[in-house]
Amino acid sequence: MPKGATATKTLKVGDKAPDFTLKSHLDKEIKLSDLRGKNVFIAFYPLDWTPV
């Protein structure tokens, strides 16, 4: 395993996502658990100029 990497469990359809924290576009930290019960869409893209 590369340095700094962590082992992760592969999720299956129907599994609950593990809780995590990310910064929003407004530089505010948001935890997934804070959004429980709401629809959540997370887009990961490799480059800033990549259209989503």
N, C-alpha and C. Protein backbone atom coordinates (compact mmCIF):
# COMPACT_ATOMS: atom_id res chain seq x y z
N MET A 1 0.86 -1.17 0.00
CA MET A 1 0.00 0.00 0.00
C MET A 1 0.90 1.23 0.00
N PRO A 2 0.59 2.25 -0.84
CA PRO A 2 1.41 3.46 -0.88
C PRO A 2 1.39 4.21 0.45
N LYS A 3 2.47 4.95 0.71
CA LYS A 3 2.57 5.74 1.94
C LYS A 3 1.40 6.73 2.02
N GLY A 4 0.75 6.82 3.16
CA GLY A 4 -0.37 7.73 3.36
C GLY A 4 -1.71 7.16 2.95
N ALA A 5 -1.70 6.01 2.25
CA ALA A 5 -2.96 5.40 1.82
C ALA A 5 -3.57 4.63 2.98
N THR A 6 -4.88 4.49 2.95
CA THR A 6 -5.56 3.71 3.97
C THR A 6 -6.39 2.63 3.29
N ALA A 7 -6.58 1.55 3.98
CA ALA A 7 -7.41 0.48 3.44
C ALA A 7 -8.87 0.92 3.48
N THR A 8 -9.59 0.68 2.41
CA THR A 8 -11.00 1.05 2.36
C THR A 8 -11.84 -0.16 2.01
N LYS A 9 -13.06 -0.15 2.48
CA LYS A 9 -14.00 -1.21 2.18
C LYS A 9 -14.74 -0.83 0.91
N THR A 10 -14.93 -1.77 0.02
CA THR A 10 -15.70 -1.52 -1.18
C THR A 10 -17.17 -1.53 -0.83
N LEU A 11 -17.86 -0.46 -1.19
CA LEU A 11 -19.30 -0.39 -0.92
C LEU A 11 -20.08 -1.12 -1.99
N LYS A 12 -21.18 -1.68 -1.59
CA LYS A 12 -22.09 -2.35 -2.52
C LYS A 12 -23.38 -1.53 -2.60
N VAL A 13 -24.14 -1.74 -3.65
CA VAL A 13 -25.42 -1.05 -3.80
C VAL A 13 -26.25 -1.31 -2.55
N GLY A 14 -26.77 -0.24 -1.98
CA GLY A 14 -27.60 -0.35 -0.78
C GLY A 14 -26.84 -0.12 0.51
N ASP A 15 -25.47 -0.16 0.46
CA ASP A 15 -24.68 0.12 1.65
C ASP A 15 -24.77 1.60 2.00
N LYS A 16 -24.70 1.91 3.29
CA LYS A 16 -24.64 3.30 3.72
C LYS A 16 -23.21 3.80 3.53
N ALA A 17 -23.09 5.03 3.06
CA ALA A 17 -21.76 5.62 2.88
C ALA A 17 -21.15 5.92 4.25
N PRO A 18 -19.85 5.74 4.39
CA PRO A 18 -19.21 6.09 5.66
C PRO A 18 -19.21 7.60 5.82
N ASP A 19 -19.21 8.06 7.06
CA ASP A 19 -19.20 9.49 7.32
C ASP A 19 -17.85 10.07 6.93
N PHE A 20 -17.85 11.25 6.35
CA PHE A 20 -16.62 11.95 6.01
C PHE A 20 -16.90 13.45 6.00
N THR A 21 -15.83 14.23 5.99
CA THR A 21 -15.93 15.69 5.98
C THR A 21 -15.22 16.24 4.76
N LEU A 22 -15.84 17.18 4.08
CA LEU A 22 -15.24 17.87 2.93
C LEU A 22 -15.49 19.36 3.07
N LYS A 23 -14.68 20.16 2.40
CA LYS A 23 -14.92 21.60 2.37
C LYS A 23 -15.84 21.93 1.20
N SER A 24 -16.78 22.82 1.45
CA SER A 24 -17.70 23.25 0.39
C SER A 24 -17.02 24.31 -0.47
N HIS A 25 -17.72 24.72 -1.51
CA HIS A 25 -17.21 25.78 -2.37
C HIS A 25 -17.12 27.12 -1.63
N LEU A 26 -17.75 27.20 -0.46
CA LEU A 26 -17.69 28.40 0.37
C LEU A 26 -16.64 28.26 1.48
N ASP A 27 -15.80 27.21 1.38
CA ASP A 27 -14.72 26.93 2.33
C ASP A 27 -15.24 26.58 3.72
N LYS A 28 -16.46 26.04 3.78
CA LYS A 28 -17.06 25.59 5.04
C LYS A 28 -16.98 24.07 5.10
N GLU A 29 -16.58 23.52 6.24
CA GLU A 29 -16.51 22.06 6.38
C GLU A 29 -17.91 21.51 6.59
N ILE A 30 -18.22 20.47 5.82
CA ILE A 30 -19.53 19.82 5.90
C ILE A 30 -19.33 18.33 6.08
N LYS A 31 -20.02 17.77 7.07
CA LYS A 31 -19.96 16.32 7.31
C LYS A 31 -21.16 15.67 6.61
N LEU A 32 -20.91 14.53 6.02
CA LEU A 32 -22.00 13.80 5.37
C LEU A 32 -23.12 13.53 6.35
N SER A 33 -22.80 13.20 7.58
CA SER A 33 -23.82 12.89 8.59
C SER A 33 -24.71 14.10 8.89
N ASP A 34 -24.21 15.32 8.66
CA ASP A 34 -25.03 16.52 8.86
C ASP A 34 -26.14 16.63 7.82
N LEU A 35 -26.01 15.90 6.73
CA LEU A 35 -26.97 15.97 5.62
C LEU A 35 -27.92 14.77 5.60
N ARG A 36 -27.88 13.96 6.65
CA ARG A 36 -28.71 12.75 6.70
C ARG A 36 -30.18 13.10 6.46
N GLY A 37 -30.83 12.34 5.59
CA GLY A 37 -32.24 12.56 5.26
C GLY A 37 -32.43 13.47 4.06
N LYS A 38 -31.33 14.05 3.55
CA LYS A 38 -31.41 14.93 2.38
C LYS A 38 -30.77 14.23 1.19
N ASN A 39 -31.15 14.64 -0.01
CA ASN A 39 -30.48 14.13 -1.21
C ASN A 39 -29.12 14.80 -1.32
N VAL A 40 -28.09 14.01 -1.58
CA VAL A 40 -26.73 14.52 -1.67
C VAL A 40 -26.12 14.09 -2.99
N PHE A 41 -25.51 15.02 -3.69
CA PHE A 41 -24.79 14.74 -4.94
C PHE A 41 -23.37 15.24 -4.76
N ILE A 42 -22.40 14.35 -4.92
CA ILE A 42 -21.00 14.73 -4.78
C ILE A 42 -20.32 14.45 -6.11
N ALA A 43 -19.70 15.47 -6.67
CA ALA A 43 -18.99 15.33 -7.95
C ALA A 43 -17.49 15.44 -7.70
N PHE A 44 -16.76 14.42 -8.08
CA PHE A 44 -15.30 14.44 -8.02
C PHE A 44 -14.80 14.57 -9.44
N TYR A 45 -13.91 15.50 -9.67
CA TYR A 45 -13.35 15.65 -11.01
C TYR A 45 -11.87 15.96 -10.89
N PRO A 46 -11.08 15.55 -11.90
CA PRO A 46 -9.63 15.62 -11.78
C PRO A 46 -9.03 17.01 -11.93
N LEU A 47 -9.65 17.89 -12.68
CA LEU A 47 -9.08 19.19 -12.95
C LEU A 47 -10.12 20.30 -12.80
N ASP A 48 -9.70 21.47 -12.37
CA ASP A 48 -10.63 22.58 -12.18
C ASP A 48 -11.41 22.93 -13.42
N TRP A 49 -10.81 22.80 -14.58
CA TRP A 49 -11.50 23.21 -15.81
C TRP A 49 -12.32 22.09 -16.45
N THR A 50 -12.43 20.94 -15.74
CA THR A 50 -13.21 19.84 -16.25
C THR A 50 -14.69 20.11 -15.98
N PRO A 51 -15.53 20.12 -17.03
CA PRO A 51 -16.96 20.36 -16.79
C PRO A 51 -17.59 19.20 -16.03
N VAL A 52 -18.51 19.51 -15.17
CA VAL A 52 -19.21 18.48 -14.39
C VAL A 52 -20.60 18.31 -14.96
